[in-house]
Amino acid sequence: MSRTKKTLATIALMLGVTAAAASPALADNGMPVAPPDNGMPVAPLDNGMPVTPLDNPMP
């Protein structure tokens, strides 16, 4: 194998290894995203009030 072919093969191998190492960082969910700030407070689920059952015609 000539020196030129060896050089091109080495460069191709290095590019492949670099792409394989960088692929997780380029994924869709690789970067954390802050949750949207809608400004609405959330009430606690357990407030001690009885819950009325939904209308369910099935026995």
C-alpha atoms as a PDB file:
ATOM      1  CA  MET A   1       0.000   0.000   0.000  1.00  0.00           C
ATOM      2  CA  SER A   2       1.386   3.370  -0.930  1.00  0.00           C
ATOM      3  CA  ARG A   3       1.904   6.179   1.529  1.00  0.00           C
ATOM      4  CA  THR A   4      -0.992   8.170   0.027  1.00  0.00           C
ATOM      5  CA  LYS A   5      -3.422   5.273   0.482  1.00  0.00           C
ATOM      6  CA  LYS A   6      -2.254   4.758   4.065  1.00  0.00           C
ATOM      7  CA  THR A   7      -2.746   8.450   4.814  1.00  0.00           C
ATOM      8  CA  LEU A   8      -6.238   8.478   3.313  1.00  0.00           C
ATOM      9  CA  ALA A   9      -7.166   5.303   5.190  1.00  0.00           C
ATOM     10  CA  THR A  10      -5.932   6.796   8.465  1.00  0.00           C
ATOM     11  CA  ILE A  11      -7.891   9.999   7.895  1.00  0.00           C
ATOM     12  CA  ALA A  12     -11.035   8.015   7.038  1.00  0.00           C
ATOM     13  CA  LEU A  13     -10.625   5.924  10.191  1.00  0.00           C
ATOM     14  CA  MET A  14     -10.145   9.023  12.332  1.00  0.00           C
ATOM     15  CA  LEU A  15     -13.260  10.644  10.850  1.00  0.00           C
ATOM     16  CA  GLY A  16     -15.291   7.504  11.522  1.00  0.00           C
ATOM     17  CA  VAL A  17     -14.162   7.296  15.135  1.00  0.00           C
ATOM     18  CA  THR A  18     -14.847  10.998  15.650  1.00  0.00           C
ATOM     19  CA  ALA A  19     -18.353  10.681  14.161  1.00  0.00           C
ATOM     20  CA  ALA A  20     -19.123   7.673  16.348  1.00  0.00           C
ATOM     21  CA  ALA A  21     -17.958   9.509  19.467  1.00  0.00           C
ATOM     22  CA  ALA A  22     -19.917  12.684  18.641  1.00  0.00           C
ATOM     23  CA  SER A  23     -23.190  11.038  17.600  1.00  0.00           C
ATOM     24  CA  PRO A  24     -24.749  10.877  21.113  1.00  0.00           C
ATOM     25  CA  ALA A  25     -24.184  14.603  21.536  1.00  0.00           C
ATOM     26  CA  LEU A  26     -25.944  15.296  18.244  1.00  0.00           C
ATOM     27  CA  ALA A  27     -29.063  13.317  19.160  1.00  0.00           C
ATOM     28  CA  ASP A  28     -32.421  15.082  19.491  1.00  0.00           C
ATOM     29  CA  ASN A  29     -32.561  14.848  23.262  1.00  0.00           C
ATOM     30  CA  GLY A  30     -28.850  15.244  23.866  1.00  0.00           C
ATOM     31  CA  MET A  31     -29.234  18.832  25.048  1.00  0.00           C
ATOM     32  CA  PRO A  32     -31.313  19.496  28.167  1.00  0.00           C
ATOM     33  CA  VAL A  33     -34.265  21.811  27.661  1.00  0.00           C
ATOM     34  CA  ALA A  34     -35.896  23.855  30.419  1.00  0.00           C
ATOM     35  CA  PRO A  35     -39.578  23.152  30.998  1.00  0.00           C
ATOM     36  CA  PRO A  36     -41.964  25.812  29.708  1.00  0.00           C
ATOM     37  CA  ASP A  37     -42.876  28.466  32.262  1.00  0.00           C
ATOM     38  CA  ASN A  38     -46.633  28.883  32.069  1.00  0.00           C
ATOM     39  CA  GLY A  39     -46.877  30.741  35.387  1.00  0.00           C
ATOM     40  CA  MET A  40     -49.909  28.798  36.646  1.00  0.00           C
ATOM     41  CA  PRO A  41     -49.629  27.409  40.173  1.00  0.00           C
ATOM     42  CA  VAL A  42     -50.664  23.807  40.719  1.00  0.00           C
ATOM     43  CA  ALA A  43     -52.978  22.933  43.601  1.00  0.00           C
ATOM     44  CA  PRO A  44     -52.211  19.824  45.644  1.00  0.00           C
ATOM     45  CA  LEU A  45     -54.259  16.776  44.732  1.00  0.00           C
ATOM     46  CA  ASP A  46     -55.239  15.848  48.280  1.00  0.00           C
ATOM     47  CA  ASN A  47     -57.221  18.723  49.792  1.00  0.00           C
ATOM     48  CA  GLY A  48     -59.496  16.637  52.042  1.00  0.00           C
ATOM     49  CA  MET A  49     -62.653  17.209  49.970  1.00  0.00           C
ATOM     50  CA  PRO A  50     -64.615  14.134  48.840  1.00  0.00           C
ATOM     51  CA  VAL A  51     -64.599  13.538  45.113  1.00  0.00           C
ATOM     52  CA  THR A  52     -67.893  13.036  43.338  1.00  0.00           C
ATOM     53  CA  PRO A  53     -67.919   9.973  41.060  1.00  0.00           C
ATOM     54  CA  LEU A  54     -68.138  10.464  37.311  1.00  0.00           C
ATOM     55  CA  ASP A  55     -71.316   9.561  35.484  1.00  0.00           C
ATOM     56  CA  ASN A  56     -70.777   5.963  34.492  1.00  0.00           C
ATOM     57  CA  PRO A  57     -73.802   4.183  32.997  1.00  0.00           C
ATOM     58  CA  MET A  58     -72.147   0.748  33.164  1.00  0.00           C
ATOM     59  CA  PRO A  59     -72.919  -1.263  36.349  1.00  0.00           C
END
